[in-house]
N, C-alpha and C. Protein backbone atom coordinates (compact mmCIF):
# COMPACT_ATOMS: atom_id res chain seq x y z
N MET A 1 -29.29 -31.27 -56.49
CA MET A 1 -29.44 -31.54 -55.06
C MET A 1 -28.69 -32.80 -54.66
N THR A 2 -28.68 -33.79 -55.54
CA THR A 2 -27.97 -35.03 -55.24
C THR A 2 -26.48 -34.75 -55.06
N SER A 3 -25.95 -33.88 -55.86
CA SER A 3 -24.53 -33.52 -55.77
C SER A 3 -24.20 -32.96 -54.39
N LEU A 4 -25.05 -32.12 -53.87
CA LEU A 4 -24.84 -31.53 -52.55
C LEU A 4 -24.89 -32.61 -51.47
N VAL A 5 -25.82 -33.52 -51.58
CA VAL A 5 -25.95 -34.62 -50.62
C VAL A 5 -24.71 -35.50 -50.69
N ASP A 6 -24.24 -35.79 -51.91
CA ASP A 6 -23.05 -36.61 -52.08
C ASP A 6 -21.81 -35.93 -51.49
N ARG A 7 -21.66 -34.65 -51.73
CA ARG A 7 -20.51 -33.92 -51.18
C ARG A 7 -20.57 -33.89 -49.66
N HIS A 8 -21.77 -33.73 -49.14
CA HIS A 8 -21.93 -33.73 -47.68
C HIS A 8 -21.54 -35.08 -47.11
N GLN A 9 -21.96 -36.15 -47.75
CA GLN A 9 -21.63 -37.49 -47.28
C GLN A 9 -20.12 -37.74 -47.35
N ARG A 10 -19.50 -37.33 -48.43
CA ARG A 10 -18.05 -37.49 -48.56
C ARG A 10 -17.31 -36.69 -47.48
N ALA A 11 -17.78 -35.49 -47.23
CA ALA A 11 -17.17 -34.67 -46.18
C ALA A 11 -17.34 -35.31 -44.81
N THR A 12 -18.51 -35.85 -44.56
CA THR A 12 -18.78 -36.53 -43.29
C THR A 12 -17.88 -37.75 -43.14
N ASP A 13 -17.73 -38.52 -44.22
CA ASP A 13 -16.85 -39.69 -44.19
C ASP A 13 -15.40 -39.28 -43.95
N GLU A 14 -14.98 -38.21 -44.62
CA GLU A 14 -13.61 -37.75 -44.46
C GLU A 14 -13.35 -37.28 -43.03
N ILE A 15 -14.31 -36.59 -42.46
CA ILE A 15 -14.17 -36.13 -41.07
C ILE A 15 -14.06 -37.32 -40.13
N ALA A 16 -14.87 -38.34 -40.36
CA ALA A 16 -14.80 -39.54 -39.52
C ALA A 16 -13.44 -40.20 -39.65
N ALA A 17 -12.91 -40.29 -40.86
CA ALA A 17 -11.59 -40.89 -41.07
C ALA A 17 -10.51 -40.07 -40.38
N LEU A 18 -10.61 -38.76 -40.48
CA LEU A 18 -9.62 -37.88 -39.84
C LEU A 18 -9.68 -38.01 -38.32
N ARG A 19 -10.88 -38.12 -37.78
CA ARG A 19 -11.02 -38.30 -36.33
C ARG A 19 -10.37 -39.61 -35.88
N THR A 20 -10.56 -40.66 -36.68
CA THR A 20 -9.93 -41.95 -36.36
C THR A 20 -8.42 -41.82 -36.39
N GLN A 21 -7.89 -41.16 -37.41
CA GLN A 21 -6.45 -40.96 -37.50
C GLN A 21 -5.93 -40.15 -36.31
N LEU A 22 -6.69 -39.14 -35.92
CA LEU A 22 -6.29 -38.31 -34.79
C LEU A 22 -6.25 -39.13 -33.51
N LYS A 23 -7.25 -39.96 -33.28
CA LYS A 23 -7.26 -40.81 -32.08
C LYS A 23 -6.07 -41.76 -32.07
N GLU A 24 -5.77 -42.34 -33.22
CA GLU A 24 -4.62 -43.25 -33.31
C GLU A 24 -3.32 -42.51 -33.02
N ARG A 25 -3.21 -41.31 -33.55
CA ARG A 25 -2.00 -40.51 -33.31
C ARG A 25 -1.88 -40.16 -31.83
N GLU A 26 -2.98 -39.80 -31.20
CA GLU A 26 -2.96 -39.47 -29.77
C GLU A 26 -2.52 -40.67 -28.94
N VAL A 27 -2.97 -41.87 -29.32
CA VAL A 27 -2.56 -43.09 -28.62
C VAL A 27 -1.05 -43.27 -28.76
N ARG A 28 -0.53 -43.10 -29.98
CA ARG A 28 0.92 -43.25 -30.20
C ARG A 28 1.70 -42.21 -29.41
N ILE A 29 1.18 -41.00 -29.32
CA ILE A 29 1.85 -39.95 -28.56
C ILE A 29 1.90 -40.32 -27.08
N ARG A 30 0.77 -40.79 -26.53
CA ARG A 30 0.75 -41.19 -25.12
C ARG A 30 1.72 -42.33 -24.86
N GLU A 31 1.77 -43.30 -25.78
CA GLU A 31 2.71 -44.41 -25.64
C GLU A 31 4.15 -43.91 -25.67
N SER A 32 4.44 -43.00 -26.55
CA SER A 32 5.79 -42.44 -26.65
C SER A 32 6.15 -41.67 -25.38
N GLU A 33 5.20 -40.93 -24.85
CA GLU A 33 5.46 -40.18 -23.62
C GLU A 33 5.73 -41.12 -22.45
N ARG A 34 4.98 -42.23 -22.37
CA ARG A 34 5.24 -43.21 -21.32
C ARG A 34 6.63 -43.83 -21.49
N GLU A 35 6.99 -44.13 -22.73
CA GLU A 35 8.31 -44.70 -22.99
C GLU A 35 9.41 -43.72 -22.60
N ILE A 36 9.22 -42.45 -22.91
CA ILE A 36 10.20 -41.43 -22.53
C ILE A 36 10.33 -41.36 -21.02
N GLU A 37 9.23 -41.40 -20.30
CA GLU A 37 9.27 -41.38 -18.84
C GLU A 37 10.03 -42.59 -18.31
N ASP A 38 9.76 -43.77 -18.88
CA ASP A 38 10.46 -44.98 -18.45
C ASP A 38 11.95 -44.88 -18.72
N LEU A 39 12.31 -44.40 -19.89
CA LEU A 39 13.72 -44.26 -20.24
C LEU A 39 14.42 -43.24 -19.35
N ASN A 40 13.74 -42.16 -19.03
CA ASN A 40 14.32 -41.16 -18.12
C ASN A 40 14.53 -41.75 -16.73
N ALA A 41 13.59 -42.56 -16.27
CA ALA A 41 13.74 -43.21 -14.97
C ALA A 41 14.92 -44.17 -14.99
N ARG A 42 15.05 -44.93 -16.07
CA ARG A 42 16.18 -45.86 -16.19
C ARG A 42 17.51 -45.10 -16.23
N ARG A 43 17.52 -43.97 -16.95
CA ARG A 43 18.74 -43.16 -17.04
C ARG A 43 19.13 -42.64 -15.66
N ALA A 44 18.14 -42.19 -14.90
CA ALA A 44 18.41 -41.67 -13.56
C ALA A 44 18.94 -42.79 -12.65
N ALA A 45 18.33 -43.97 -12.74
CA ALA A 45 18.77 -45.10 -11.93
C ALA A 45 20.18 -45.53 -12.31
N THR A 46 20.47 -45.50 -13.61
CA THR A 46 21.80 -45.87 -14.08
C THR A 46 22.84 -44.86 -13.58
N GLY A 47 22.50 -43.60 -13.65
CA GLY A 47 23.41 -42.56 -13.14
C GLY A 47 23.68 -42.73 -11.66
N LYS A 48 22.65 -43.04 -10.91
CA LYS A 48 22.81 -43.26 -9.47
C LYS A 48 23.71 -44.46 -9.22
N ARG A 49 23.49 -45.54 -9.96
CA ARG A 49 24.31 -46.75 -9.78
C ARG A 49 25.77 -46.46 -10.16
N LEU A 50 25.99 -45.71 -11.22
CA LEU A 50 27.36 -45.35 -11.59
C LEU A 50 28.03 -44.53 -10.49
N ASP A 51 27.30 -43.60 -9.90
CA ASP A 51 27.85 -42.82 -8.79
C ASP A 51 28.23 -43.72 -7.63
N GLN A 52 27.38 -44.71 -7.33
CA GLN A 52 27.68 -45.65 -6.24
C GLN A 52 28.94 -46.46 -6.56
N LEU A 53 29.07 -46.91 -7.79
CA LEU A 53 30.24 -47.69 -8.17
C LEU A 53 31.52 -46.85 -8.12
N ILE A 54 31.43 -45.60 -8.54
CA ILE A 54 32.59 -44.71 -8.46
C ILE A 54 33.00 -44.48 -7.01
N GLU A 55 32.01 -44.28 -6.14
CA GLU A 55 32.30 -44.11 -4.71
C GLU A 55 32.98 -45.36 -4.16
N GLU A 56 32.49 -46.52 -4.56
CA GLU A 56 33.09 -47.77 -4.08
C GLU A 56 34.53 -47.91 -4.59
N LEU A 57 34.76 -47.58 -5.85
CA LEU A 57 36.12 -47.62 -6.38
C LEU A 57 37.05 -46.66 -5.64
N ASP A 58 36.56 -45.46 -5.37
CA ASP A 58 37.36 -44.49 -4.62
C ASP A 58 37.70 -45.03 -3.23
N ARG A 59 36.71 -45.65 -2.59
CA ARG A 59 36.93 -46.21 -1.25
C ARG A 59 37.97 -47.33 -1.32
N LEU A 60 37.85 -48.21 -2.32
CA LEU A 60 38.79 -49.32 -2.46
C LEU A 60 40.20 -48.80 -2.79
N ASP A 61 40.27 -47.78 -3.63
CA ASP A 61 41.57 -47.17 -3.92
C ASP A 61 42.22 -46.61 -2.66
N ALA A 62 41.42 -45.96 -1.83
CA ALA A 62 41.93 -45.39 -0.58
C ALA A 62 42.41 -46.50 0.35
N GLU A 63 41.63 -47.58 0.45
CA GLU A 63 42.04 -48.71 1.29
C GLU A 63 43.34 -49.32 0.80
N LEU A 64 43.45 -49.47 -0.52
CA LEU A 64 44.64 -50.04 -1.11
C LEU A 64 45.86 -49.15 -0.84
N ALA A 65 45.66 -47.85 -0.97
CA ALA A 65 46.76 -46.92 -0.72
C ALA A 65 47.19 -46.99 0.75
N ARG A 66 46.23 -47.08 1.66
CA ARG A 66 46.56 -47.19 3.09
C ARG A 66 47.30 -48.48 3.38
N SER A 67 46.87 -49.57 2.73
CA SER A 67 47.53 -50.85 3.00
C SER A 67 48.96 -50.85 2.46
N LYS A 68 49.18 -50.19 1.33
CA LYS A 68 50.53 -50.09 0.77
C LYS A 68 51.41 -49.24 1.69
N ASP A 69 50.83 -48.13 2.21
CA ASP A 69 51.60 -47.26 3.12
C ASP A 69 51.95 -47.99 4.40
N GLY A 70 51.04 -48.81 4.89
CA GLY A 70 51.28 -49.54 6.12
C GLY A 70 52.27 -50.67 5.93
N ASP A 71 52.35 -51.22 4.75
CA ASP A 71 53.26 -52.34 4.48
C ASP A 71 54.69 -51.84 4.23
N GLY A 72 54.83 -50.65 3.70
CA GLY A 72 56.12 -50.18 3.24
C GLY A 72 56.82 -49.42 4.24
């Protein structure tokens, strides 16, 4: 009977340890998901800024071309 009680206690302890590991893993997953969301937002903002800079370069190129045409 003692053997059965001991096995039950070990199983209970193992389950508790596994639950703790699971909770820790879930926390890491949530943190990773938040980081992914942040990185995606930064990527989108960077893409938008690059588009703005390209538009500005195109505008400046057009102005420069017009000024050269007007001078020549």
